[in-house]
């Protein structure tokens, strides 16, 4: 997931006024260290949560949510890890 989706937020909002429009952000873990290990060049978890917040704040017609995947066994499948994303 790239934070560049925010660049097109006005366009997405226009689409959302007349059609179903959704943005899903993949988050495997809320732990920055684990995220850096799994996806070293991807945006940090806080940046990904920020994408969802900004979409919800700035573009009401656009649906935004989290894709909790992949769940990596023994690395990010504990109840605490999953709860941190909720």
C-alpha atoms as a PDB file:
ATOM      1  CA  UNK A   1       0.000   0.000   0.000  1.00  0.00           C
ATOM      2  CA  UNK A   2       1.303   3.380  -0.926  1.00  0.00           C
ATOM      3  CA  UNK A   3       0.420   6.678   0.679  1.00  0.00           C
ATOM      4  CA  UNK A   4       0.076   8.012  -2.875  1.00  0.00           C
ATOM      5  CA  UNK A   5      -3.594   7.012  -2.781  1.00  0.00           C
ATOM      6  CA  UNK A   6      -4.115  10.244  -0.826  1.00  0.00           C
ATOM      7  CA  UNK A   7      -2.981  12.186  -3.881  1.00  0.00           C
ATOM      8  CA  UNK A   8      -6.166  11.053  -5.635  1.00  0.00           C
ATOM      9  CA  UNK A   9      -8.490  11.655  -2.715  1.00  0.00           C
ATOM     10  CA  UNK A  10     -10.539  14.350  -4.483  1.00  0.00           C
ATOM     11  CA  UNK A  11     -11.036  12.060  -7.472  1.00  0.00           C
ATOM     12  CA  UNK A  12     -12.045   9.163  -5.205  1.00  0.00           C
ATOM     13  CA  UNK A  13     -14.487  11.429  -3.375  1.00  0.00           C
ATOM     14  CA  UNK A  14     -16.076  12.458  -6.689  1.00  0.00           C
ATOM     15  CA  UNK A  15     -16.430   8.830  -7.676  1.00  0.00           C
ATOM     16  CA  UNK A  16     -17.859   7.974  -4.251  1.00  0.00           C
ATOM     17  CA  UNK A  17     -20.648  10.527  -4.634  1.00  0.00           C
ATOM     18  CA  UNK A  18     -22.132   8.589  -7.556  1.00  0.00           C
ATOM     19  CA  UNK A  19     -20.778   5.038  -7.244  1.00  0.00           C
ATOM     20  CA  UNK A  20     -19.433   2.624  -4.684  1.00  0.00           C
ATOM     21  CA  UNK A  21     -15.836   3.580  -3.950  1.00  0.00           C
ATOM     22  CA  UNK A  22     -13.613   1.842  -1.438  1.00  0.00           C
ATOM     23  CA  UNK A  23      -9.973   1.906  -0.422  1.00  0.00           C
ATOM     24  CA  UNK A  24      -8.565  -1.047   1.476  1.00  0.00           C
ATOM     25  CA  UNK A  25      -5.239  -0.826   3.254  1.00  0.00           C
ATOM     26  CA  UNK A  26      -3.247  -3.977   3.953  1.00  0.00           C
ATOM     27  CA  UNK A  27      -1.861  -4.111   7.471  1.00  0.00           C
ATOM     28  CA  UNK A  28      -0.068  -7.257   8.614  1.00  0.00           C
ATOM     29  CA  UNK A  29       0.948  -5.954  12.036  1.00  0.00           C
ATOM     30  CA  UNK A  30       0.780  -2.783  14.111  1.00  0.00           C
ATOM     31  CA  UNK A  31       4.331  -3.378  15.372  1.00  0.00           C
ATOM     32  CA  UNK A  32       6.786  -1.187  13.393  1.00  0.00           C
ATOM     33  CA  UNK A  33       9.711  -3.580  13.958  1.00  0.00           C
ATOM     34  CA  UNK A  34       7.793  -6.578  12.632  1.00  0.00           C
ATOM     35  CA  UNK A  35       6.430  -4.534   9.733  1.00  0.00           C
ATOM     36  CA  UNK A  36       9.940  -3.372   8.846  1.00  0.00           C
ATOM     37  CA  UNK A  37      11.112  -6.982   8.822  1.00  0.00           C
ATOM     38  CA  UNK A  38       8.213  -8.188   6.648  1.00  0.00           C
ATOM     39  CA  UNK A  39       8.053  -5.214   4.264  1.00  0.00           C
ATOM     40  CA  UNK A  40      11.243  -3.163   4.562  1.00  0.00           C
ATOM     41  CA  UNK A  41      10.396  -0.525   1.924  1.00  0.00           C
ATOM     42  CA  UNK A  42       6.673  -0.189   2.598  1.00  0.00           C
ATOM     43  CA  UNK A  43       4.978   2.520   4.677  1.00  0.00           C
ATOM     44  CA  UNK A  44       5.019   1.939   8.441  1.00  0.00           C
ATOM     45  CA  UNK A  45       1.828   0.738  10.148  1.00  0.00           C
ATOM     46  CA  UNK A  46       1.118   4.195  11.602  1.00  0.00           C
ATOM     47  CA  UNK A  47       1.279   5.701   8.105  1.00  0.00           C
ATOM     48  CA  UNK A  48      -1.193   3.079   6.899  1.00  0.00           C
ATOM     49  CA  UNK A  49      -3.582   3.819   9.770  1.00  0.00           C
ATOM     50  CA  UNK A  50      -3.138   7.486   8.880  1.00  0.00           C
ATOM     51  CA  UNK A  51      -4.301   6.798   5.330  1.00  0.00           C
ATOM     52  CA  UNK A  52      -7.564   5.379   6.646  1.00  0.00           C
ATOM     53  CA  UNK A  53      -8.025   8.284   9.072  1.00  0.00           C
ATOM     54  CA  UNK A  54      -7.446  10.870   6.357  1.00  0.00           C
ATOM     55  CA  UNK A  55      -9.847   9.212   3.952  1.00  0.00           C
ATOM     56  CA  UNK A  56     -12.550   8.989   6.612  1.00  0.00           C
ATOM     57  CA  UNK A  57     -11.999  12.620   7.647  1.00  0.00           C
ATOM     58  CA  UNK A  58     -11.688  14.188   4.204  1.00  0.00           C
ATOM     59  CA  UNK A  59     -13.792  12.040   1.878  1.00  0.00           C
ATOM     60  CA  UNK A  60     -17.001  10.836   3.505  1.00  0.00           C
ATOM     61  CA  UNK A  61     -18.386   9.052   0.400  1.00  0.00           C
ATOM     62  CA  UNK A  62     -15.297   6.827   0.180  1.00  0.00           C
ATOM     63  CA  UNK A  63     -15.373   3.618   2.205  1.00  0.00           C
ATOM     64  CA  UNK A  64     -12.033   2.845   3.868  1.00  0.00           C
ATOM     65  CA  UNK A  65     -10.926  -0.188   5.789  1.00  0.00           C
ATOM     66  CA  UNK A  66      -8.202  -2.637   6.713  1.00  0.00           C
ATOM     67  CA  UNK A  67      -7.239  -5.905   5.070  1.00  0.00           C
ATOM     68  CA  UNK A  68      -5.687  -7.942   7.872  1.00  0.00           C
ATOM     69  CA  UNK A  69      -3.487 -10.129   5.741  1.00  0.00           C
ATOM     70  CA  UNK A  70      -1.326 -11.979   5.432  1.00  0.00           C
ATOM     71  CA  UNK A  71      -1.364 -13.247   8.981  1.00  0.00           C
ATOM     72  CA  UNK A  72       2.089 -14.736   9.464  1.00  0.00           C
ATOM     73  CA  UNK A  73       1.948 -17.633  11.945  1.00  0.00           C
ATOM     74  CA  UNK A  74       4.102 -17.217  15.058  1.00  0.00           C
ATOM     75  CA  UNK A  75       5.100 -13.701  14.030  1.00  0.00           C
ATOM     76  CA  UNK A  76       1.902 -11.687  13.980  1.00  0.00           C
ATOM     77  CA  UNK A  77      -0.946 -14.010  14.863  1.00  0.00           C
ATOM     78  CA  UNK A  78      -1.174 -13.471  18.618  1.00  0.00           C
ATOM     79  CA  UNK A  79      -4.385 -12.035  20.061  1.00  0.00           C
ATOM     80  CA  UNK A  80      -2.446  -8.921  21.096  1.00  0.00           C
ATOM     81  CA  UNK A  81      -1.195  -8.360  17.545  1.00  0.00           C
ATOM     82  CA  UNK A  82      -4.662  -8.720  16.069  1.00  0.00           C
ATOM     83  CA  UNK A  83      -6.205  -6.513  18.745  1.00  0.00           C
ATOM     84  CA  UNK A  84      -3.690  -3.737  18.075  1.00  0.00           C
ATOM     85  CA  UNK A  85      -5.039  -3.486  14.530  1.00  0.00           C
ATOM     86  CA  UNK A  86      -8.671  -3.268  15.600  1.00  0.00           C
END
